[in-house]
Amino acid sequence: MSWDRTGLATSVVALLLIRWYPSVGAAVLAPVAIAVIGTGLIRVFQRRRYRVRVAGIAYEKVEADFWSVVWMTVLPVLIAGTAIAGIWLF
């Protein structure tokens, strides 16, 4: 359920960034694209993560999902970095 909320929050970020289009121009499309792609990837890989975790709980062997945490750390930094670069450069 938390991944659903994360995907929804990332979609909201994309929608909020689109509001900058009239003042910033096409530079805002890069962080919007990153947010939309990130949301899609969260959604696609969410089902696989759930299946793996359910199997891990059933066999009492659950490991931390290191790469999901790394991805969720990189995604907002990437969105913010491209948004800031787009505003300052254009």
N, C-alpha and C. Protein backbone atom coordinates (compact mmCIF):
# COMPACT_ATOMS: atom_id res chain seq x y z
N MET A 1 0.81 -1.18 0.00
CA MET A 1 0.00 0.00 0.00
C MET A 1 0.87 1.26 0.00
N SER A 2 2.00 1.23 0.64
CA SER A 2 2.84 2.43 0.66
C SER A 2 3.39 2.75 -0.72
N TRP A 3 3.63 1.73 -1.56
CA TRP A 3 4.11 2.00 -2.91
C TRP A 3 3.02 2.66 -3.75
N ASP A 4 1.76 2.33 -3.49
CA ASP A 4 0.66 3.02 -4.17
C ASP A 4 0.66 4.50 -3.82
N ARG A 5 0.85 4.81 -2.56
CA ARG A 5 0.90 6.20 -2.13
C ARG A 5 2.12 6.92 -2.71
N THR A 6 3.23 6.23 -2.81
CA THR A 6 4.43 6.83 -3.39
C THR A 6 4.21 7.13 -4.86
N GLY A 7 3.60 6.21 -5.58
CA GLY A 7 3.29 6.45 -6.98
C GLY A 7 2.33 7.60 -7.16
N LEU A 8 1.33 7.67 -6.30
CA LEU A 8 0.36 8.76 -6.36
C LEU A 8 1.05 10.10 -6.06
N ALA A 9 1.90 10.13 -5.07
CA ALA A 9 2.62 11.36 -4.74
C ALA A 9 3.52 11.81 -5.89
N THR A 10 4.16 10.87 -6.56
CA THR A 10 5.01 11.21 -7.70
C THR A 10 4.17 11.74 -8.85
N SER A 11 2.98 11.20 -9.05
CA SER A 11 2.07 11.72 -10.08
C SER A 11 1.63 13.14 -9.75
N VAL A 12 1.37 13.40 -8.48
CA VAL A 12 0.99 14.76 -8.07
C VAL A 12 2.14 15.73 -8.31
N VAL A 13 3.35 15.30 -8.06
CA VAL A 13 4.52 16.14 -8.33
C VAL A 13 4.58 16.48 -9.82
N ALA A 14 4.34 15.49 -10.68
CA ALA A 14 4.34 15.74 -12.12
C ALA A 14 3.27 16.77 -12.50
N LEU A 15 2.09 16.64 -11.92
CA LEU A 15 1.02 17.59 -12.22
C LEU A 15 1.35 18.99 -11.72
N LEU A 16 1.97 19.08 -10.56
CA LEU A 16 2.36 20.39 -10.04
C LEU A 16 3.45 21.03 -10.90
N LEU A 17 4.35 20.21 -11.40
CA LEU A 17 5.41 20.74 -12.26
C LEU A 17 4.84 21.27 -13.58
N ILE A 18 3.80 20.64 -14.09
CA ILE A 18 3.20 21.09 -15.34
C ILE A 18 2.67 22.51 -15.20
N ARG A 19 2.29 22.91 -14.01
CA ARG A 19 1.80 24.27 -13.79
C ARG A 19 2.88 25.31 -14.07
N TRP A 20 4.15 24.93 -14.04
CA TRP A 20 5.24 25.85 -14.32
C TRP A 20 5.44 26.09 -15.82
N TYR A 21 4.79 25.32 -16.65
CA TYR A 21 5.02 25.40 -18.10
C TYR A 21 4.86 26.82 -18.66
N PRO A 22 3.81 27.57 -18.29
CA PRO A 22 3.68 28.92 -18.86
C PRO A 22 4.84 29.86 -18.51
N SER A 23 5.42 29.72 -17.34
CA SER A 23 6.50 30.62 -16.95
C SER A 23 7.89 30.10 -17.30
N VAL A 24 8.08 28.78 -17.28
CA VAL A 24 9.40 28.20 -17.51
C VAL A 24 9.55 27.72 -18.95
N GLY A 25 8.49 27.21 -19.52
CA GLY A 25 8.55 26.70 -20.88
C GLY A 25 8.86 25.21 -20.93
N ALA A 26 9.47 24.80 -22.02
CA ALA A 26 9.71 23.37 -22.27
C ALA A 26 10.71 22.75 -21.29
N ALA A 27 11.46 23.57 -20.58
CA ALA A 27 12.44 23.03 -19.63
C ALA A 27 11.78 22.22 -18.52
N VAL A 28 10.52 22.47 -18.26
CA VAL A 28 9.82 21.76 -17.19
C VAL A 28 9.42 20.35 -17.63
N LEU A 29 9.49 20.07 -18.91
CA LEU A 29 9.06 18.76 -19.38
C LEU A 29 10.01 17.63 -18.97
N ALA A 30 11.28 17.93 -18.77
CA ALA A 30 12.23 16.89 -18.34
C ALA A 30 11.89 16.34 -16.96
N PRO A 31 11.70 17.19 -15.93
CA PRO A 31 11.33 16.61 -14.63
C PRO A 31 9.94 15.97 -14.64
N VAL A 32 9.03 16.49 -15.46
CA VAL A 32 7.71 15.86 -15.58
C VAL A 32 7.86 14.46 -16.17
N ALA A 33 8.68 14.33 -17.21
CA ALA A 33 8.89 13.02 -17.82
C ALA A 33 9.53 12.05 -16.83
N ILE A 34 10.49 12.53 -16.05
CA ILE A 34 11.13 11.68 -15.04
C ILE A 34 10.11 11.23 -14.00
N ALA A 35 9.24 12.14 -13.56
CA ALA A 35 8.23 11.78 -12.57
C ALA A 35 7.23 10.77 -13.13
N VAL A 36 6.81 10.96 -14.37
CA VAL A 36 5.85 10.04 -14.98
C VAL A 36 6.48 8.66 -15.19
N ILE A 37 7.70 8.64 -15.68
CA ILE A 37 8.39 7.36 -15.86
C ILE A 37 8.62 6.68 -14.51
N GLY A 38 9.01 7.46 -13.51
CA GLY A 38 9.19 6.91 -12.16
C GLY A 38 7.91 6.30 -11.61
N THR A 39 6.79 7.00 -11.83
CA THR A 39 5.50 6.47 -11.39
C THR A 39 5.18 5.15 -12.08
N GLY A 40 5.43 5.11 -13.38
CA GLY A 40 5.19 3.87 -14.12
C GLY A 40 6.05 2.72 -13.64
N LEU A 41 7.32 3.01 -13.38
CA LEU A 41 8.21 1.96 -12.88
C LEU A 41 7.81 1.47 -11.50
N ILE A 42 7.39 2.39 -10.65
CA ILE A 42 6.91 1.99 -9.33
C ILE A 42 5.75 1.03 -9.48
N ARG A 43 4.82 1.37 -10.35
CA ARG A 43 3.62 0.55 -10.55
C ARG A 43 3.96 -0.82 -11.13
N VAL A 44 4.86 -0.85 -12.11
CA VAL A 44 5.21 -2.11 -12.77
C VAL A 44 5.90 -3.06 -11.80
N PHE A 45 6.87 -2.55 -11.04
CA PHE A 45 7.65 -3.42 -10.17
C PHE A 45 6.99 -3.69 -8.83
N GLN A 46 5.93 -2.98 -8.53
CA GLN A 46 5.25 -3.16 -7.25
C GLN A 46 4.70 -4.58 -7.10
N ARG A 47 4.07 -5.08 -8.12
CA ARG A 47 3.47 -6.43 -8.04
C ARG A 47 4.52 -7.49 -7.79
N ARG A 48 5.65 -7.38 -8.45
CA ARG A 48 6.73 -8.35 -8.25
C ARG A 48 7.25 -8.29 -6.82
N ARG A 49 7.43 -7.07 -6.31
CA ARG A 49 7.90 -6.93 -4.93
C ARG A 49 6.92 -7.56 -3.95
N TYR A 50 5.63 -7.36 -4.16
CA TYR A 50 4.64 -7.94 -3.28
C TYR A 50 4.68 -9.47 -3.31
N ARG A 51 4.79 -10.04 -4.50
CA ARG A 51 4.86 -11.51 -4.61
C ARG A 51 6.08 -12.05 -3.88
N VAL A 52 7.22 -11.40 -4.05
CA VAL A 52 8.45 -11.85 -3.39
C VAL A 52 8.31 -11.74 -1.87
N ARG A 53 7.73 -10.65 -1.39
CA ARG A 53 7.57 -10.48 0.06
C ARG A 53 6.59 -11.48 0.65
N VAL A 54 5.50 -11.76 -0.05
CA VAL A 54 4.53 -12.74 0.44
C VAL A 54 5.19 -14.12 0.53
N ALA A 55 5.95 -14.48 -0.49
CA ALA A 55 6.66 -15.76 -0.45
C ALA A 55 7.68 -15.77 0.69
N GLY A 56 8.36 -14.65 0.90
CA GLY A 56 9.34 -14.56 1.98
C GLY A 56 8.70 -14.69 3.35
N ILE A 57 7.53 -14.11 3.51
CA ILE A 57 6.82 -14.22 4.79
C ILE A 57 6.36 -15.65 4.99
N ALA A 58 5.88 -16.30 3.94
CA ALA A 58 5.41 -17.68 4.05
C ALA A 58 6.54 -18.62 4.45
N TYR A 59 7.74 -18.35 3.92
CA TYR A 59 8.88 -19.21 4.25
C TYR A 59 9.74 -18.64 5.39
N GLU A 60 9.25 -17.57 6.01
CA GLU A 60 9.95 -16.91 7.12
C GLU A 60 11.37 -16.51 6.75
N LYS A 61 11.50 -15.98 5.56
CA LYS A 61 12.81 -15.52 5.09
C LYS A 61 12.60 -14.28 4.21
N VAL A 62 12.55 -13.11 4.84
CA VAL A 62 12.33 -11.86 4.13
C VAL A 62 13.60 -11.02 4.23
N GLU A 63 14.06 -10.55 3.08
CA GLU A 63 15.24 -9.69 3.05
C GLU A 63 14.82 -8.27 2.69
N ALA A 64 15.62 -7.32 3.11
CA ALA A 64 15.34 -5.92 2.79
C ALA A 64 15.50 -5.69 1.30
N ASP A 65 14.67 -4.83 0.74
CA ASP A 65 14.72 -4.52 -0.68
C ASP A 65 15.59 -3.28 -0.87
N PHE A 66 16.88 -3.49 -0.93
CA PHE A 66 17.87 -2.42 -0.99
C PHE A 66 17.67 -1.53 -2.22
N TRP A 67 17.46 -2.13 -3.39
CA TRP A 67 17.38 -1.36 -4.63
C TRP A 67 16.13 -0.50 -4.70
N SER A 68 15.05 -0.90 -4.08
CA SER A 68 13.87 -0.05 -4.05
C SER A 68 14.13 1.21 -3.23
N VAL A 69 14.85 1.07 -2.15
CA VAL A 69 15.19 2.22 -1.32
C VAL A 69 16.14 3.15 -2.09
N VAL A 70 17.10 2.58 -2.78
CA VAL A 70 18.02 3.39 -3.59
C VAL A 70 17.24 4.14 -4.67
N TRP A 71 16.35 3.44 -5.36
CA TRP A 71 15.55 4.06 -6.42
C TRP A 71 14.71 5.21 -5.87
N MET A 72 14.09 5.00 -4.72
CA MET A 72 13.23 6.03 -4.15
C MET A 72 14.04 7.19 -3.56
N THR A 73 15.33 7.01 -3.37
CA THR A 73 16.19 8.11 -2.97
C THR A 73 16.64 8.89 -4.20
N VAL A 74 16.95 8.19 -5.27
CA VAL A 74 17.43 8.81 -6.50
C VAL A 74 16.31 9.56 -7.22
N LEU A 75 15.10 9.02 -7.23
CA LEU A 75 14.00 9.61 -8.00
C LEU A 75 13.69 11.05 -7.59
N PRO A 76 13.44 11.36 -6.33
CA PRO A 76 13.14 12.76 -5.99
C PRO A 76 14.33 13.69 -6.21
N VAL A 77 15.55 13.19 -5.98
CA VAL A 77 16.73 14.01 -6.21
C VAL A 77 16.85 14.33 -7.71
N LEU A 78 16.58 13.35 -8.55
CA LEU A 78 16.63 13.54 -9.99
C LEU A 78 15.54 14.51 -10.47
N ILE A 79 14.34 14.36 -9.95
CA ILE A 79 13.24 15.27 -10.31
C ILE A 79 13.58 16.69 -9.88
N ALA A 80 13.99 16.86 -8.64
CA ALA A 80 14.32 18.19 -8.13
C ALA A 80 15.52 18.79 -8.86
N GLY A 81 16.52 17.98 -9.11
CA GLY A 81 17.71 18.48 -9.80
C GLY A 81 17.42 18.96 -11.21
N THR A 82 16.63 18.20 -11.95
CA THR A 82 16.29 18.64 -13.30
C THR A 82 15.36 19.84 -13.29
N ALA A 83 14.47 19.92 -12.29
CA ALA A 83 13.59 21.08 -12.19
C ALA A 83 14.39 22.34 -11.88
N ILE A 84 15.31 22.24 -10.95
CA ILE A 84 16.13 23.41 -10.59
C ILE A 84 17.02 23.80 -11.76
N ALA A 85 17.63 22.83 -12.42
CA ALA A 85 18.47 23.13 -13.58
C ALA A 85 17.64 23.77 -14.69
N GLY A 86 16.42 23.29 -14.89
CA GLY A 86 15.56 23.87 -15.92
C GLY A 86 15.18 25.30 -15.64
N ILE A 87 14.94 25.60 -14.37
CA ILE A 87 14.57 26.96 -14.01
C ILE A 87 15.78 27.90 -14.13
N TRP A 88 16.94 27.46 -13.69
CA TRP A 88 18.11 28.33 -13.71
C TRP A 88 18.70 28.51 -15.11
N LEU A 89 18.60 27.47 -15.92
CA LEU A 89 19.23 27.53 -17.25
C LEU A 89 18.34 28.22 -18.28
N PHE A 90 17.04 28.21 -18.06
CA PHE A 90 16.16 28.78 -19.09
C PHE A 90 15.40 29.96 -18.58
